[in-house]
Amino acid sequence: MITNLFFALTASEMGLSPAILVLIVVSSVVFIVGFAKSSRENEYKKLMDSFIERKEESD
């Protein structure tokens, strides 16, 4: 009964070789790092644009 609750396939049973698993992990890390970097740069750009607009309005 408890074996029916916990059912999982191993990576080899799913047809995933160690090389494919490494590729998946590396590409996931690159995506997350790239997304975080671009989000941070976009945030700074919006902040600088708002400062520039305020400066122009006060002149």
C-alpha atoms as a PDB file:
ATOM      1  CA  MET A   1       0.000   0.000   0.000  1.00  0.00           C
ATOM      2  CA  ILE A   2       2.717   2.514   0.893  1.00  0.00           C
ATOM      3  CA  THR A   3       4.602   1.677  -2.296  1.00  0.00           C
ATOM      4  CA  ASN A   4       1.658   2.958  -4.309  1.00  0.00           C
ATOM      5  CA  LEU A   5       2.034   6.370  -2.647  1.00  0.00           C
ATOM      6  CA  PHE A   6       5.689   6.872  -3.539  1.00  0.00           C
ATOM      7  CA  PHE A   7       6.267   6.152  -7.215  1.00  0.00           C
ATOM      8  CA  ALA A   8       9.157   7.614  -9.132  1.00  0.00           C
ATOM      9  CA  LEU A   9      11.239   6.809 -12.153  1.00  0.00           C
ATOM     10  CA  THR A  10      14.981   7.046 -12.138  1.00  0.00           C
ATOM     11  CA  ALA A  11      16.738   9.228 -14.675  1.00  0.00           C
ATOM     12  CA  SER A  12      17.937   6.203 -16.633  1.00  0.00           C
ATOM     13  CA  GLU A  13      14.395   4.807 -16.780  1.00  0.00           C
ATOM     14  CA  MET A  14      13.272   8.102 -18.303  1.00  0.00           C
ATOM     15  CA  GLY A  15      16.050   7.908 -20.876  1.00  0.00           C
ATOM     16  CA  LEU A  16      18.147  10.729 -19.446  1.00  0.00           C
ATOM     17  CA  SER A  17      21.865  10.179 -19.616  1.00  0.00           C
ATOM     18  CA  PRO A  18      24.240  11.908 -17.185  1.00  0.00           C
ATOM     19  CA  ALA A  19      25.333  14.261 -19.983  1.00  0.00           C
ATOM     20  CA  ILE A  20      21.746  15.378 -20.579  1.00  0.00           C
ATOM     21  CA  LEU A  21      21.192  15.880 -16.845  1.00  0.00           C
ATOM     22  CA  VAL A  22      24.322  18.054 -16.645  1.00  0.00           C
ATOM     23  CA  LEU A  23      23.126  20.051 -19.655  1.00  0.00           C
ATOM     24  CA  ILE A  24      19.717  20.603 -18.034  1.00  0.00           C
ATOM     25  CA  VAL A  25      21.266  21.755 -14.762  1.00  0.00           C
ATOM     26  CA  VAL A  26      23.793  24.083 -16.436  1.00  0.00           C
ATOM     27  CA  SER A  27      21.207  25.663 -18.733  1.00  0.00           C
ATOM     28  CA  SER A  28      18.839  26.156 -15.783  1.00  0.00           C
ATOM     29  CA  VAL A  29      21.521  27.924 -13.772  1.00  0.00           C
ATOM     30  CA  VAL A  30      22.480  30.117 -16.752  1.00  0.00           C
ATOM     31  CA  PHE A  31      18.829  31.044 -17.292  1.00  0.00           C
ATOM     32  CA  ILE A  32      18.253  31.973 -13.639  1.00  0.00           C
ATOM     33  CA  VAL A  33      21.466  34.030 -13.430  1.00  0.00           C
ATOM     34  CA  GLY A  34      20.729  35.782 -16.732  1.00  0.00           C
ATOM     35  CA  PHE A  35      17.172  36.542 -15.706  1.00  0.00           C
ATOM     36  CA  ALA A  36      18.284  37.993 -12.368  1.00  0.00           C
ATOM     37  CA  LYS A  37      20.968  40.102 -14.054  1.00  0.00           C
ATOM     38  CA  SER A  38      18.633  41.500 -16.701  1.00  0.00           C
ATOM     39  CA  SER A  39      15.935  42.220 -14.115  1.00  0.00           C
ATOM     40  CA  ARG A  40      18.397  44.142 -11.964  1.00  0.00           C
ATOM     41  CA  GLU A  41      19.684  46.165 -14.939  1.00  0.00           C
ATOM     42  CA  ASN A  42      16.138  46.937 -16.042  1.00  0.00           C
ATOM     43  CA  GLU A  43      15.293  48.143 -12.531  1.00  0.00           C
ATOM     44  CA  TYR A  44      18.311  50.486 -12.513  1.00  0.00           C
ATOM     45  CA  LYS A  45      17.404  51.827 -15.958  1.00  0.00           C
ATOM     46  CA  LYS A  46      13.850  52.641 -14.836  1.00  0.00           C
ATOM     47  CA  LEU A  47      15.198  54.320 -11.721  1.00  0.00           C
ATOM     48  CA  MET A  48      17.653  56.470 -13.699  1.00  0.00           C
ATOM     49  CA  ASP A  49      14.954  57.381 -16.223  1.00  0.00           C
ATOM     50  CA  SER A  50      12.682  58.567 -13.410  1.00  0.00           C
ATOM     51  CA  PHE A  51      15.491  60.704 -11.940  1.00  0.00           C
ATOM     52  CA  ILE A  52      16.172  62.262 -15.350  1.00  0.00           C
ATOM     53  CA  GLU A  53      12.476  63.024 -15.871  1.00  0.00           C
ATOM     54  CA  ARG A  54      12.221  64.674 -12.432  1.00  0.00           C
ATOM     55  CA  LYS A  55      15.299  66.785 -13.126  1.00  0.00           C
ATOM     56  CA  GLU A  56      13.868  67.972 -16.456  1.00  0.00           C
ATOM     57  CA  GLU A  57      10.530  68.820 -14.819  1.00  0.00           C
ATOM     58  CA  SER A  58      12.189  70.941 -12.134  1.00  0.00           C
ATOM     59  CA  ASP A  59      14.157  73.035 -14.704  1.00  0.00           C
END
